[in-house]
Protein backbone atom coordinates (compact mmCIF):
# COMPACT_ATOMS: atom_id res chain seq x y z
CA UNK A 1 -19.99 11.21 -65.80
CA UNK A 2 -23.27 12.14 -64.15
CA UNK A 3 -24.29 15.82 -64.19
CA UNK A 4 -26.46 15.55 -61.06
CA UNK A 5 -24.46 17.30 -58.33
CA UNK A 6 -27.17 17.19 -55.62
CA UNK A 7 -25.33 14.46 -53.70
CA UNK A 8 -22.28 16.69 -53.27
CA UNK A 9 -23.99 19.53 -51.39
CA UNK A 10 -25.89 19.98 -48.14
CA UNK A 11 -28.15 22.76 -46.89
CA UNK A 12 -27.28 24.62 -43.71
CA UNK A 13 -30.26 26.15 -41.94
CA UNK A 14 -29.45 28.66 -39.21
CA UNK A 15 -32.04 29.33 -36.49
CA UNK A 16 -32.16 31.86 -33.67
CA UNK A 17 -34.91 31.57 -31.06
CA UNK A 18 -36.76 29.09 -33.27
CA UNK A 19 -36.82 31.39 -36.32
CA UNK A 20 -34.78 30.65 -39.43
CA UNK A 21 -32.34 33.51 -40.08
CA UNK A 22 -30.19 32.07 -42.88
CA UNK A 23 -29.91 29.17 -45.31
CA UNK A 24 -26.76 28.14 -47.20
CA UNK A 25 -25.87 25.55 -49.82
CA UNK A 26 -22.45 24.12 -48.90
CA UNK A 27 -20.23 21.43 -50.48
CA UNK A 28 -20.03 18.29 -48.35
CA UNK A 29 -16.27 18.74 -48.01
CA UNK A 30 -16.84 22.00 -46.08
CA UNK A 31 -19.42 20.77 -43.55
CA UNK A 32 -16.98 20.87 -40.64
CA UNK A 33 -15.62 24.34 -41.41
CA UNK A 34 -19.02 25.92 -42.03
CA UNK A 35 -20.50 24.26 -38.93
CA UNK A 36 -17.78 25.87 -36.81
CA UNK A 37 -18.42 29.26 -38.42
CA UNK A 38 -21.98 29.24 -37.08
CA UNK A 39 -21.85 27.10 -33.94
CA UNK A 40 -19.16 27.86 -31.40
CA UNK A 41 -19.04 28.00 -27.57
CA UNK A 42 -21.48 30.64 -26.37
CA UNK A 43 -23.39 30.84 -29.66
CA UNK A 44 -27.18 31.01 -29.30
CA UNK A 45 -27.73 29.79 -32.85
CA UNK A 46 -28.99 26.37 -33.83
CA UNK A 47 -27.50 24.86 -36.98
CA UNK A 48 -29.30 22.14 -38.92
CA UNK A 49 -27.58 20.33 -41.77
CA UNK A 50 -29.80 18.57 -44.31
CA UNK A 51 -28.84 16.47 -47.31
CA UNK A 52 -30.27 16.98 -50.80
CA UNK A 53 -33.32 14.85 -49.99
CA UNK A 54 -34.25 17.00 -46.98
CA UNK A 55 -33.19 14.44 -44.36
CA UNK A 56 -31.32 15.66 -41.30
CA UNK A 57 -27.64 14.85 -41.20
CA UNK A 58 -26.91 16.70 -37.95
CA UNK A 59 -28.33 19.35 -35.64
CA UNK A 60 -26.27 21.46 -33.27
CA UNK A 61 -28.76 20.75 -30.47
CA UNK A 62 -26.64 17.72 -29.62
CA UNK A 63 -23.89 20.12 -28.52
CA UNK A 64 -26.05 22.29 -26.25
CA UNK A 65 -25.65 21.67 -22.50
CA UNK A 66 -28.78 20.63 -20.66
């Protein structure tokens, strides 16, 4: 079995007004739950989820009304 666990975690970056306020390392299985903890109706935060290579997986900007 491989000991490299990087593929099983993602990084959550939390932004408010364009400034990063928090960063979390989260197991892939908890992406949905952790996303809802930070981004909910009325929240002014932006949540960016990146994989272990630094590529975007999702950004909460897609949920913001125009």
